[in-house]
């Protein structure tokens, strides 16, 4: 991925549900791990459960819904962002990989210790890639990241990216993303 943070992915598109909003809220709340918090975007399009300390935050990823946990020290914070991608031509493959394409000229990422996961959100299989990235416009050095996504039945592309101060926290972010619900066209 170019020009931004590279990271994890997972998600679920809910087609126009017959359930009302209160029913969906109760359903999500009951799926949150003990001690975790239910988070809902300001426009109710994105819902997920997060571990303690995560709050809605800003992101450099255009059109993204982001939740962050502040860093304890000078390191990178833990965060996850969900984006509904309008421009399907922006990425050669879907979901986009962590590593930049071979023809990348500037702000490119290299990845080591990469792993591809097939996770599930609801009934949707989602491809996620985790790894340690170096480079990019932020000059990352073996930074724990994840990226992934899927295409809804209506051909809408959902992208999920995330970062963690510690590599083992990527599994925690994957757990959070398994609770993700996106109401997209």
Protein backbone atom coordinates (compact mmCIF):
# COMPACT_ATOMS: atom_id res chain seq x y z
CA UNK A 1 0.00 0.00 0.00
CA UNK A 2 1.29 3.49 -0.75
CA UNK A 3 0.98 6.93 0.78
CA UNK A 4 -0.32 6.07 4.21
CA UNK A 5 -0.22 3.52 6.93
CA UNK A 6 -0.37 -0.08 5.81
CA UNK A 7 -2.15 -2.54 8.07
CA UNK A 8 -4.89 -5.20 8.73
CA UNK A 9 -8.28 -6.02 7.39
CA UNK A 10 -11.57 -7.57 8.08
CA UNK A 11 -15.21 -6.60 7.78
CA UNK A 12 -18.85 -7.42 7.09
CA UNK A 13 -21.39 -5.63 4.97
CA UNK A 14 -24.93 -5.70 6.20
CA UNK A 15 -27.41 -5.29 3.38
CA UNK A 16 -30.53 -3.35 4.19
CA UNK A 17 -31.45 -5.17 7.33
CA UNK A 18 -35.00 -5.77 8.42
CA UNK A 19 -33.82 -5.31 12.01
CA UNK A 20 -34.11 -1.89 13.52
CA UNK A 21 -31.08 -0.02 14.91
CA UNK A 22 -31.76 -0.98 18.54
CA UNK A 23 -31.85 -4.66 17.61
CA UNK A 24 -28.53 -4.37 15.75
CA UNK A 25 -26.98 -2.54 18.74
CA UNK A 26 -28.09 -5.24 21.16
CA UNK A 27 -26.82 -7.93 18.80
CA UNK A 28 -23.36 -6.36 18.55
CA UNK A 29 -23.12 -5.66 22.27
CA UNK A 30 -23.77 -9.31 23.05
CA UNK A 31 -20.87 -10.34 20.79
CA UNK A 32 -18.25 -8.12 22.46
CA UNK A 33 -15.62 -9.95 24.51
CA UNK A 34 -15.86 -9.33 28.26
CA UNK A 35 -14.49 -5.92 29.20
CA UNK A 36 -14.50 -4.63 25.62
CA UNK A 37 -16.50 -1.61 24.42
CA UNK A 38 -19.02 -1.32 21.61
CA UNK A 39 -18.07 1.52 19.27
CA UNK A 40 -20.39 3.07 16.68
CA UNK A 41 -19.38 5.66 14.09
CA UNK A 42 -21.04 9.07 14.26
CA UNK A 43 -23.24 8.16 11.27
CA UNK A 44 -23.94 4.58 12.46
CA UNK A 45 -22.41 3.03 9.33
CA UNK A 46 -19.58 1.25 11.16
CA UNK A 47 -19.85 -0.72 14.42
CA UNK A 48 -17.26 -2.83 16.20
CA UNK A 49 -16.05 -3.91 19.63
CA UNK A 50 -12.69 -2.63 20.86
CA UNK A 51 -10.45 -3.43 23.80
CA UNK A 52 -10.27 -0.90 26.65
CA UNK A 53 -8.69 2.45 25.81
CA UNK A 54 -9.75 2.74 22.17
CA UNK A 55 -11.67 5.87 21.15
CA UNK A 56 -12.80 7.39 17.86
CA UNK A 57 -9.93 9.28 16.25
CA UNK A 58 -8.76 11.03 13.12
CA UNK A 59 -7.00 9.25 10.28
CA UNK A 60 -4.95 10.24 7.26
CA UNK A 61 -6.87 7.56 5.33
CA UNK A 62 -9.50 9.55 3.42
CA UNK A 63 -13.07 8.67 4.33
CA UNK A 64 -12.00 6.29 7.08
CA UNK A 65 -13.61 5.50 10.40
CA UNK A 66 -10.77 5.20 12.91
CA UNK A 67 -10.40 4.02 16.50
CA UNK A 68 -7.14 4.56 18.41
CA UNK A 69 -5.55 3.69 21.72
CA UNK A 70 -2.90 6.28 22.67
CA UNK A 71 0.68 5.04 22.89
CA UNK A 72 2.07 4.54 26.39
CA UNK A 73 5.42 5.99 25.32
CA UNK A 74 7.01 7.57 22.30
CA UNK A 75 6.07 4.64 20.04
CA UNK A 76 3.25 4.19 17.59
CA UNK A 77 -0.29 4.01 18.92
CA UNK A 78 -2.56 1.02 18.33
CA UNK A 79 -5.27 1.86 15.80
CA UNK A 80 -7.67 0.40 13.29
CA UNK A 81 -9.37 2.18 10.38
CA UNK A 82 -12.25 1.11 8.14
CA UNK A 83 -12.84 2.78 4.78
CA UNK A 84 -15.51 2.45 2.13
CA UNK A 85 -13.44 2.80 -1.05
CA UNK A 86 -15.15 4.71 -3.83
CA UNK A 87 -12.32 4.51 -6.39
CA UNK A 88 -11.93 0.84 -7.28
CA UNK A 89 -9.09 1.64 -9.72
CA UNK A 90 -6.79 2.93 -6.98
CA UNK A 91 -5.52 -0.56 -6.12
CA UNK A 92 -4.34 -3.13 -8.66
CA UNK A 93 -5.40 -6.07 -6.48
CA UNK A 94 -8.10 -6.38 -3.85
CA UNK A 95 -7.60 -6.31 -1.04
CA UNK A 96 -4.34 -4.40 -1.41
CA UNK A 97 -1.26 -6.07 0.09
CA UNK A 98 0.94 -4.56 2.78
CA UNK A 99 3.96 -4.39 0.49
CA UNK A 100 4.15 -1.72 -2.21
CA UNK A 101 3.97 -2.88 -5.83
CA UNK A 102 7.25 -3.59 -7.66
CA UNK A 103 6.95 -0.38 -9.69
CA UNK A 104 6.66 1.83 -6.57
CA UNK A 105 8.94 4.89 -6.84
CA UNK A 106 8.46 6.87 -3.60
CA UNK A 107 7.27 6.21 -0.04
CA UNK A 108 7.36 2.46 -0.66
CA UNK A 109 6.90 -0.27 1.93
CA UNK A 110 8.81 -3.51 2.31
CA UNK A 111 7.41 -6.26 4.50
CA UNK A 112 8.90 -9.13 6.45
CA UNK A 113 7.33 -11.74 8.71
CA UNK A 114 4.17 -11.45 6.61
CA UNK A 115 1.24 -13.80 7.08
CA UNK A 116 -2.06 -14.05 5.23
CA UNK A 117 -5.18 -14.90 7.25
CA UNK A 118 -8.71 -15.71 6.20
CA UNK A 119 -10.92 -14.38 8.96
CA UNK A 120 -14.68 -14.32 9.13
CA UNK A 121 -17.07 -11.54 9.96
CA UNK A 122 -20.57 -12.87 10.07
CA UNK A 123 -20.82 -15.05 6.96
CA UNK A 124 -18.20 -13.13 4.97
CA UNK A 125 -14.66 -14.44 4.51
CA UNK A 126 -12.14 -11.62 4.67
CA UNK A 127 -8.51 -11.76 3.58
CA UNK A 128 -6.13 -10.10 6.06
CA UNK A 129 -2.40 -9.67 5.82
CA UNK A 130 -0.21 -8.95 8.84
CA UNK A 131 3.48 -8.18 8.90
CA UNK A 132 6.31 -5.90 9.89
CA UNK A 133 6.62 -2.99 7.45
CA UNK A 134 9.54 -0.69 6.82
CA UNK A 135 9.63 2.53 4.80
CA UNK A 136 6.66 4.54 3.65
CA UNK A 137 6.24 8.26 4.11
CA UNK A 138 6.51 7.84 7.90
CA UNK A 139 9.84 5.99 7.70
CA UNK A 140 8.55 2.92 9.54
CA UNK A 141 11.07 0.37 10.83
CA UNK A 142 9.63 -3.12 11.26
CA UNK A 143 6.32 -1.64 12.40
CA UNK A 144 3.45 -4.08 13.07
CA UNK A 145 0.70 -3.49 10.49
CA UNK A 146 -2.28 -5.20 8.94
CA UNK A 147 -4.36 -4.67 5.83
CA UNK A 148 -7.29 -6.41 4.27
CA UNK A 149 -10.73 -6.06 2.86
CA UNK A 150 -13.57 -7.50 0.87
CA UNK A 151 -16.17 -6.60 -1.74
CA UNK A 152 -19.84 -6.45 -0.75
CA UNK A 153 -22.57 -8.14 -2.84
CA UNK A 154 -23.27 -4.68 -4.33
CA UNK A 155 -19.60 -4.35 -5.43
CA UNK A 156 -18.66 -1.83 -2.72
CA UNK A 157 -15.06 -2.25 -1.56
CA UNK A 158 -14.33 -2.20 2.16
CA UNK A 159 -10.73 -1.63 3.28
CA UNK A 160 -9.43 -2.24 6.80
CA UNK A 161 -5.98 -1.20 7.96
CA UNK A 162 -4.38 -1.10 11.38
CA UNK A 163 -1.19 -0.65 13.34
CA UNK A 164 0.11 -1.84 16.66
CA UNK A 165 2.99 -0.83 18.87
CA UNK A 166 3.65 -4.53 19.57
CA UNK A 167 3.34 -7.28 16.95
CA UNK A 168 1.25 -9.47 19.25
CA UNK A 169 -1.40 -6.72 19.41
CA UNK A 170 -2.23 -7.43 15.76
CA UNK A 171 -4.10 -10.53 16.96
CA UNK A 172 -6.11 -8.29 19.30
CA UNK A 173 -6.97 -6.01 16.37
CA UNK A 174 -8.00 -9.07 14.34
CA UNK A 175 -10.33 -10.09 17.19
CA UNK A 176 -11.86 -6.59 17.15
CA UNK A 177 -12.33 -6.76 13.39
CA UNK A 178 -14.22 -10.05 13.70
CA UNK A 179 -16.96 -8.00 15.41
CA UNK A 180 -16.98 -5.36 12.66
CA UNK A 181 -20.26 -4.51 10.96
CA UNK A 182 -20.38 -2.10 8.03
CA UNK A 183 -23.66 -0.90 6.58
CA UNK A 184 -22.55 -0.13 3.05
CA UNK A 185 -24.35 -0.05 -0.26
